[in-house]
PDB file of all heavy atoms in Angstrom:
ATOM      1  N   GLY A   1       0.823  -1.199  -0.017  1.00  0.00           N
ATOM      2  CA  GLY A   1      -0.001   0.002  -0.023  1.00  0.00           C
ATOM      3  C   GLY A   1       0.838   1.233  -0.013  1.00  0.00           C
ATOM      4  O   GLY A   1       0.318   2.297  -0.452  1.00  0.00           O
ATOM      5  N   ALA A   2       2.101   1.160   0.446  1.00  0.00           N
ATOM      6  CA  ALA A   2       2.994   2.353   0.533  1.00  0.00           C
ATOM      7  C   ALA A   2       3.655   2.586  -0.799  1.00  0.00           C
ATOM      8  O   ALA A   2       4.319   3.633  -0.936  1.00  0.00           O
ATOM      9  CB  ALA A   2       4.005   2.147   1.636  1.00  0.00           C
ATOM     10  N   LEU A   3       3.615   1.574  -1.734  1.00  0.00           N
ATOM     11  CA  LEU A   3       4.369   1.741  -3.043  1.00  0.00           C
ATOM     12  C   LEU A   3       3.510   2.609  -3.969  1.00  0.00           C
ATOM     13  O   LEU A   3       2.276   2.746  -3.866  1.00  0.00           O
ATOM     14  CB  LEU A   3       4.550   0.402  -3.629  1.00  0.00           C
ATOM     15  CG  LEU A   3       5.417  -0.639  -2.907  1.00  0.00           C
ATOM     16  CD1 LEU A   3       5.491  -1.919  -3.686  1.00  0.00           C
ATOM     17  CD2 LEU A   3       6.810  -0.021  -2.684  1.00  0.00           C
ATOM     18  N   PRO A   4       4.194   3.191  -4.915  1.00  0.00           N
ATOM     19  CA  PRO A   4       3.468   3.939  -6.057  1.00  0.00           C
ATOM     20  C   PRO A   4       2.594   2.905  -6.769  1.00  0.00           C
ATOM     21  O   PRO A   4       2.871   1.730  -6.790  1.00  0.00           O
ATOM     22  CB  PRO A   4       4.577   4.395  -6.955  1.00  0.00           C
ATOM     23  CG  PRO A   4       5.781   4.515  -6.048  1.00  0.00           C
ATOM     24  CD  PRO A   4       5.675   3.327  -5.065  1.00  0.00           C
ATOM     25  N   ASP A   5       1.468   3.410  -7.368  1.00  0.00           N
ATOM     26  CA  ASP A   5       0.526   2.530  -7.997  1.00  0.00           C
ATOM     27  C   ASP A   5       1.097   1.553  -8.978  1.00  0.00           C
ATOM     28  O   ASP A   5       0.813   0.356  -8.972  1.00  0.00           O
ATOM     29  CB  ASP A   5      -0.492   3.384  -8.705  1.00  0.00           C
ATOM     30  CG  ASP A   5      -1.442   4.163  -7.706  1.00  0.00           C
ATOM     31  OD1 ASP A   5      -1.416   3.820  -6.520  1.00  0.00           O
ATOM     32  OD2 ASP A   5      -2.128   5.015  -8.201  1.00  0.00           O
ATOM     33  N   HIS A   6       2.067   1.988  -9.896  1.00  0.00           N
ATOM     34  CA  HIS A   6       2.566   1.123 -10.864  1.00  0.00           C
ATOM     35  C   HIS A   6       3.444   0.094 -10.299  1.00  0.00           C
ATOM     36  O   HIS A   6       3.519  -1.066 -10.840  1.00  0.00           O
ATOM     37  CB  HIS A   6       3.295   1.964 -12.002  1.00  0.00           C
ATOM     38  CG  HIS A   6       4.433   2.799 -11.488  1.00  0.00           C
ATOM     39  ND1 HIS A   6       4.226   3.984 -10.830  1.00  0.00           N
ATOM     40  CD2 HIS A   6       5.743   2.575 -11.507  1.00  0.00           C
ATOM     41  CE1 HIS A   6       5.377   4.468 -10.550  1.00  0.00           C
ATOM     42  NE2 HIS A   6       6.339   3.675 -10.838  1.00  0.00           N
ATOM     43  N   SER A   7       4.225   0.374  -9.269  1.00  0.00           N
ATOM     44  CA  SER A   7       5.086  -0.575  -8.587  1.00  0.00           C
ATOM     45  C   SER A   7       4.243  -1.600  -7.923  1.00  0.00           C
ATOM     46  O   SER A   7       4.540  -2.844  -7.971  1.00  0.00           O
ATOM     47  CB  SER A   7       5.990   0.122  -7.521  1.00  0.00           C
ATOM     48  OG  SER A   7       6.845   1.055  -8.184  1.00  0.00           O
ATOM     49  N   ARG A   8       3.204  -1.152  -7.230  1.00  0.00           N
ATOM     50  CA  ARG A   8       2.267  -2.115  -6.524  1.00  0.00           C
ATOM     51  C   ARG A   8       1.658  -3.055  -7.599  1.00  0.00           C
ATOM     52  O   ARG A   8       1.528  -4.302  -7.350  1.00  0.00           O
ATOM     53  CB  ARG A   8       1.246  -1.377  -5.703  1.00  0.00           C
ATOM     54  CG  ARG A   8       0.243  -2.280  -5.016  1.00  0.00           C
ATOM     55  CD  ARG A   8      -0.567  -1.506  -4.089  1.00  0.00           C
ATOM     56  NE  ARG A   8      -1.316  -0.362  -4.665  1.00  0.00           N
ATOM     57  CZ  ARG A   8      -1.077   0.853  -4.581  1.00  0.00           C
ATOM     58  NH1 ARG A   8      -0.120   1.289  -3.866  1.00  0.00           N
ATOM     59  NH2 ARG A   8      -1.852   1.763  -5.171  1.00  0.00           N
ATOM     60  N   GLU A   9       1.229  -2.487  -8.641  1.00  0.00           N
ATOM     61  CA  GLU A   9       0.445  -3.249  -9.661  1.00  0.00           C
ATOM     62  C   GLU A   9       1.385  -4.360 -10.280  1.00  0.00           C
ATOM     63  O   GLU A   9       0.962  -5.517 -10.414  1.00  0.00           O
ATOM     64  CB  GLU A   9       0.035  -2.344 -10.787  1.00  0.00           C
ATOM     65  CG  GLU A   9      -0.845  -3.004 -11.854  1.00  0.00           C
ATOM     66  CD  GLU A   9      -2.189  -3.472 -11.388  1.00  0.00           C
ATOM     67  OE1 GLU A   9      -2.580  -3.042 -10.240  1.00  0.00           O
ATOM     68  OE2 GLU A   9      -2.967  -4.120 -12.104  1.00  0.00           O
ATOM     69  N   VAL A  10       2.671  -4.012 -10.621  1.00  0.00           N
ATOM     70  CA  VAL A  10       3.504  -5.088 -11.252  1.00  0.00           C
ATOM     71  C   VAL A  10       3.801  -6.180 -10.295  1.00  0.00           C
ATOM     72  O   VAL A  10       3.849  -7.375 -10.712  1.00  0.00           O
ATOM     73  CB  VAL A  10       4.768  -4.376 -11.759  1.00  0.00           C
ATOM     74  CG1 VAL A  10       5.698  -4.063 -10.710  1.00  0.00           C
ATOM     75  CG2 VAL A  10       5.423  -5.328 -12.826  1.00  0.00           C
ATOM     76  N   ILE A  11       3.874  -5.881  -8.978  1.00  0.00           N
ATOM     77  CA  ILE A  11       4.153  -6.962  -8.018  1.00  0.00           C
ATOM     78  C   ILE A  11       2.948  -7.863  -7.803  1.00  0.00           C
ATOM     79  O   ILE A  11       3.010  -9.031  -7.795  1.00  0.00           O
ATOM     80  CB  ILE A  11       4.625  -6.357  -6.620  1.00  0.00           C
ATOM     81  CG1 ILE A  11       6.030  -5.761  -6.867  1.00  0.00           C
ATOM     82  CG2 ILE A  11       4.591  -7.387  -5.536  1.00  0.00           C
ATOM     83  CD1 ILE A  11       6.553  -5.013  -5.641  1.00  0.00           C
ATOM     84  N   ILE A  12       1.747  -7.249  -7.773  1.00  0.00           N
ATOM     85  CA  ILE A  12       0.560  -8.005  -7.545  1.00  0.00           C
ATOM     86  C   ILE A  12       0.278  -8.920  -8.778  1.00  0.00           C
ATOM     87  O   ILE A  12       0.015 -10.084  -8.664  1.00  0.00           O
ATOM     88  CB  ILE A  12      -0.620  -7.077  -7.332  1.00  0.00           C
ATOM     89  CG1 ILE A  12      -0.588  -6.452  -5.992  1.00  0.00           C
ATOM     90  CG2 ILE A  12      -1.994  -7.852  -7.414  1.00  0.00           C
ATOM     91  CD1 ILE A  12      -1.654  -5.357  -5.714  1.00  0.00           C
ATOM     92  N   LEU A  13       0.444  -8.360  -9.969  1.00  0.00           N
ATOM     93  CA  LEU A  13       0.195  -9.121 -11.112  1.00  0.00           C
ATOM     94  C   LEU A  13       1.176 -10.279 -11.253  1.00  0.00           C
ATOM     95  O   LEU A  13       0.816 -11.421 -11.611  1.00  0.00           O
ATOM     96  CB  LEU A  13       0.261  -8.222 -12.422  1.00  0.00           C
ATOM     97  CG  LEU A  13      -0.855  -7.210 -12.550  1.00  0.00           C
ATOM     98  CD1 LEU A  13      -0.580  -6.344 -13.735  1.00  0.00           C
ATOM     99  CD2 LEU A  13      -2.204  -7.896 -12.634  1.00  0.00           C
ATOM    100  N   ARG A  14       2.483 -10.029 -11.056  1.00  0.00           N
ATOM    101  CA  ARG A  14       3.549 -11.001 -11.226  1.00  0.00           C
ATOM    102  C   ARG A  14       3.565 -12.053 -10.195  1.00  0.00           C
ATOM    103  O   ARG A  14       3.564 -13.247 -10.412  1.00  0.00           O
ATOM    104  CB  ARG A  14       4.910 -10.311 -11.272  1.00  0.00           C
ATOM    105  CG  ARG A  14       6.077 -11.273 -11.496  1.00  0.00           C
ATOM    106  CD  ARG A  14       6.103 -11.771 -12.922  1.00  0.00           C
ATOM    107  NE  ARG A  14       7.237 -12.657 -13.045  1.00  0.00           N
ATOM    108  CZ  ARG A  14       7.162 -13.995 -13.326  1.00  0.00           C
ATOM    109  NH1 ARG A  14       5.937 -14.499 -13.565  1.00  0.00           N
ATOM    110  NH2 ARG A  14       8.195 -14.725 -13.485  1.00  0.00           N
ATOM    111  N   HIS A  15       3.444 -11.637  -8.877  1.00  0.00           N
ATOM    112  CA  HIS A  15       3.652 -12.589  -7.786  1.00  0.00           C
ATOM    113  C   HIS A  15       2.349 -13.113  -7.195  1.00  0.00           C
ATOM    114  O   HIS A  15       2.307 -14.292  -6.820  1.00  0.00           O
ATOM    115  CB  HIS A  15       4.503 -11.960  -6.666  1.00  0.00           C
ATOM    116  CG  HIS A  15       5.914 -11.726  -7.004  1.00  0.00           C
ATOM    117  ND1 HIS A  15       6.842 -12.710  -6.848  1.00  0.00           N
ATOM    118  CD2 HIS A  15       6.548 -10.722  -7.585  1.00  0.00           C
ATOM    119  CE1 HIS A  15       7.997 -12.322  -7.234  1.00  0.00           C
ATOM    120  NE2 HIS A  15       7.836 -11.025  -7.684  1.00  0.00           N
ATOM    121  N   LEU A  16       1.282 -12.259  -7.062  1.00  0.00           N
ATOM    122  CA  LEU A  16       0.116 -12.717  -6.380  1.00  0.00           C
ATOM    123  C   LEU A  16      -0.950 -13.192  -7.349  1.00  0.00           C
ATOM    124  O   LEU A  16      -1.721 -14.085  -7.012  1.00  0.00           O
ATOM    125  CB  LEU A  16      -0.467 -11.506  -5.539  1.00  0.00           C
ATOM    126  CG  LEU A  16       0.521 -11.107  -4.469  1.00  0.00           C
ATOM    127  CD1 LEU A  16      -0.111  -9.992  -3.687  1.00  0.00           C
ATOM    128  CD2 LEU A  16       1.007 -12.225  -3.539  1.00  0.00           C
ATOM    129  N   GLU A  17      -1.001 -12.700  -8.612  1.00  0.00           N
ATOM    130  CA  GLU A  17      -1.951 -13.175  -9.635  1.00  0.00           C
ATOM    131  C   GLU A  17      -1.160 -14.233 -10.474  1.00  0.00           C
ATOM    132  O   GLU A  17      -1.902 -14.905 -11.251  1.00  0.00           O
ATOM    133  CB  GLU A  17      -2.527 -12.084 -10.430  1.00  0.00           C
ATOM    134  CG  GLU A  17      -3.441 -11.222  -9.557  1.00  0.00           C
ATOM    135  CD  GLU A  17      -4.292 -10.277 -10.402  1.00  0.00           C
ATOM    136  OE1 GLU A  17      -4.419 -10.496 -11.688  1.00  0.00           O
ATOM    137  OE2 GLU A  17      -4.780  -9.264  -9.858  1.00  0.00           O
ATOM    138  N   GLY A  18       0.103 -14.298 -10.385  1.00  0.00           N
ATOM    139  CA  GLY A  18       0.937 -15.276 -11.062  1.00  0.00           C
ATOM    140  C   GLY A  18       0.991 -15.197 -12.574  1.00  0.00           C
ATOM    141  O   GLY A  18       1.134 -16.181 -13.288  1.00  0.00           O
ATOM    142  N   LEU A  19       0.921 -13.986 -13.123  1.00  0.00           N
ATOM    143  CA  LEU A  19       0.998 -13.751 -14.553  1.00  0.00           C
ATOM    144  C   LEU A  19       2.397 -13.786 -15.022  1.00  0.00           C
ATOM    145  O   LEU A  19       3.285 -13.448 -14.300  1.00  0.00           O
ATOM    146  CB  LEU A  19       0.392 -12.409 -14.937  1.00  0.00           C
ATOM    147  CG  LEU A  19      -1.108 -12.185 -14.565  1.00  0.00           C
ATOM    148  CD1 LEU A  19      -1.585 -10.791 -15.172  1.00  0.00           C
ATOM    149  CD2 LEU A  19      -2.029 -13.249 -15.004  1.00  0.00           C
ATOM    150  N   SER A  20       2.638 -14.180 -16.282  1.00  0.00           N
ATOM    151  CA  SER A  20       3.951 -14.190 -16.912  1.00  0.00           C
ATOM    152  C   SER A  20       4.307 -12.700 -17.227  1.00  0.00           C
ATOM    153  O   SER A  20       3.447 -11.849 -17.254  1.00  0.00           O
ATOM    154  CB  SER A  20       3.979 -15.005 -18.188  1.00  0.00           C
ATOM    155  OG  SER A  20       3.076 -14.391 -19.169  1.00  0.00           O
ATOM    156  N   PHE A  21       5.533 -12.429 -17.515  1.00  0.00           N
ATOM    157  CA  PHE A  21       5.938 -11.078 -17.914  1.00  0.00           C
ATOM    158  C   PHE A  21       5.205 -10.638 -19.159  1.00  0.00           C
ATOM    159  O   PHE A  21       4.783  -9.452 -19.166  1.00  0.00           O
ATOM    160  CB  PHE A  21       7.494 -11.004 -18.090  1.00  0.00           C
ATOM    161  CG  PHE A  21       8.235 -10.867 -16.799  1.00  0.00           C
ATOM    162  CD1 PHE A  21       9.154 -11.805 -16.423  1.00  0.00           C
ATOM    163  CD2 PHE A  21       7.997  -9.859 -15.910  1.00  0.00           C
ATOM    164  CE1 PHE A  21       9.855 -11.736 -15.210  1.00  0.00           C
ATOM    165  CE2 PHE A  21       8.622  -9.714 -14.744  1.00  0.00           C
ATOM    166  CZ  PHE A  21       9.636 -10.681 -14.377  1.00  0.00           C
ATOM    167  N   PRO A  22       5.023 -11.413 -20.166  1.00  0.00           N
ATOM    168  CA  PRO A  22       4.276 -10.936 -21.335  1.00  0.00           C
ATOM    169  C   PRO A  22       2.863 -10.612 -20.918  1.00  0.00           C
ATOM    170  O   PRO A  22       2.323  -9.632 -21.465  1.00  0.00           O
ATOM    171  CB  PRO A  22       4.288 -12.118 -22.288  1.00  0.00           C
ATOM    172  CG  PRO A  22       5.607 -12.816 -21.979  1.00  0.00           C
ATOM    173  CD  PRO A  22       5.704 -12.709 -20.416  1.00  0.00           C
ATOM    174  N   GLU A  23       2.247 -11.369 -20.072  1.00  0.00           N
ATOM    175  CA  GLU A  23       0.850 -11.100 -19.640  1.00  0.00           C
ATOM    176  C   GLU A  23       0.831  -9.820 -18.876  1.00  0.00           C
ATOM    177  O   GLU A  23      -0.159  -9.015 -18.958  1.00  0.00           O
ATOM    178  CB  GLU A  23       0.350 -12.311 -18.856  1.00  0.00           C
ATOM    179  CG  GLU A  23       0.074 -13.540 -19.637  1.00  0.00           C
ATOM    180  CD  GLU A  23      -0.227 -14.720 -18.839  1.00  0.00           C
ATOM    181  OE1 GLU A  23       0.355 -14.849 -17.692  1.00  0.00           O
ATOM    182  OE2 GLU A  23      -0.934 -15.634 -19.258  1.00  0.00           O
ATOM    183  N   VAL A  24       1.757  -9.677 -17.962  1.00  0.00           N
ATOM    184  CA  VAL A  24       1.826  -8.409 -17.157  1.00  0.00           C
ATOM    185  C   VAL A  24       1.990  -7.161 -18.080  1.00  0.00           C
ATOM    186  O   VAL A  24       1.338  -6.117 -17.885  1.00  0.00           O
ATOM    187  CB  VAL A  24       2.981  -8.418 -16.098  1.00  0.00           C
ATOM    188  CG1 VAL A  24       3.078  -7.069 -15.366  1.00  0.00           C
ATOM    189  CG2 VAL A  24       2.743  -9.575 -15.148  1.00  0.00           C
ATOM    190  N   ALA A  25       2.886  -7.347 -19.084  1.00  0.00           N
ATOM    191  CA  ALA A  25       3.119  -6.216 -20.026  1.00  0.00           C
ATOM    192  C   ALA A  25       1.759  -5.890 -20.750  1.00  0.00           C
ATOM    193  O   ALA A  25       1.441  -4.667 -20.889  1.00  0.00           O
ATOM    194  CB  ALA A  25       4.208  -6.626 -21.078  1.00  0.00           C
ATOM    195  N   GLU A  26       1.059  -6.884 -21.152  1.00  0.00           N
ATOM    196  CA  GLU A  26      -0.206  -6.653 -21.820  1.00  0.00           C
ATOM    197  C   GLU A  26      -1.222  -5.959 -20.937  1.00  0.00           C
ATOM    198  O   GLU A  26      -1.888  -5.048 -21.269  1.00  0.00           O
ATOM    199  CB  GLU A  26      -0.746  -7.976 -22.366  1.00  0.00           C
ATOM    200  CG  GLU A  26      -2.099  -7.795 -23.169  1.00  0.00           C
ATOM    201  CD  GLU A  26      -2.617  -9.086 -23.693  1.00  0.00           C
ATOM    202  OE1 GLU A  26      -1.899 -10.138 -23.539  1.00  0.00           O
ATOM    203  OE2 GLU A  26      -3.727  -9.066 -24.303  1.00  0.00           O
ATOM    204  N   ARG A  27      -1.327  -6.450 -19.694  1.00  0.00           N
ATOM    205  CA  ARG A  27      -2.280  -5.882 -18.753  1.00  0.00           C
ATOM    206  C   ARG A  27      -1.938  -4.382 -18.417  1.00  0.00           C
ATOM    207  O   ARG A  27      -2.913  -3.584 -18.290  1.00  0.00           O
ATOM    208  CB  ARG A  27      -2.232  -6.704 -17.457  1.00  0.00           C
ATOM    209  CG  ARG A  27      -3.224  -6.253 -16.345  1.00  0.00           C
ATOM    210  CD  ARG A  27      -4.635  -6.660 -16.603  1.00  0.00           C
ATOM    211  NE  ARG A  27      -4.776  -8.138 -16.493  1.00  0.00           N
ATOM    212  CZ  ARG A  27      -5.019  -8.648 -15.312  1.00  0.00           C
ATOM    213  NH1 ARG A  27      -5.183  -7.959 -14.156  1.00  0.00           N
ATOM    214  NH2 ARG A  27      -5.167  -9.966 -15.220  1.00  0.00           N
ATOM    215  N   MET A  28      -0.651  -4.084 -18.354  1.00  0.00           N
ATOM    216  CA  MET A  28      -0.269  -2.729 -17.942  1.00  0.00           C
ATOM    217  C   MET A  28       0.001  -1.842 -19.157  1.00  0.00           C
ATOM    218  O   MET A  28       0.279  -0.597 -18.944  1.00  0.00           O
ATOM    219  CB  MET A  28       1.022  -2.792 -17.110  1.00  0.00           C
ATOM    220  CG  MET A  28       0.862  -3.478 -15.782  1.00  0.00           C
ATOM    221  SD  MET A  28       2.287  -3.399 -14.707  1.00  0.00           S
ATOM    222  CE  MET A  28       2.148  -1.692 -14.185  1.00  0.00           C
TER     223      MET A  28
END
């Protein structure tokens, strides 16, 4: 919650939602 929005989003997508880097790139 203390991170900037884009930093928080990439961590959530990659680690907690389990997306691949290409999938994260598409989502963001």
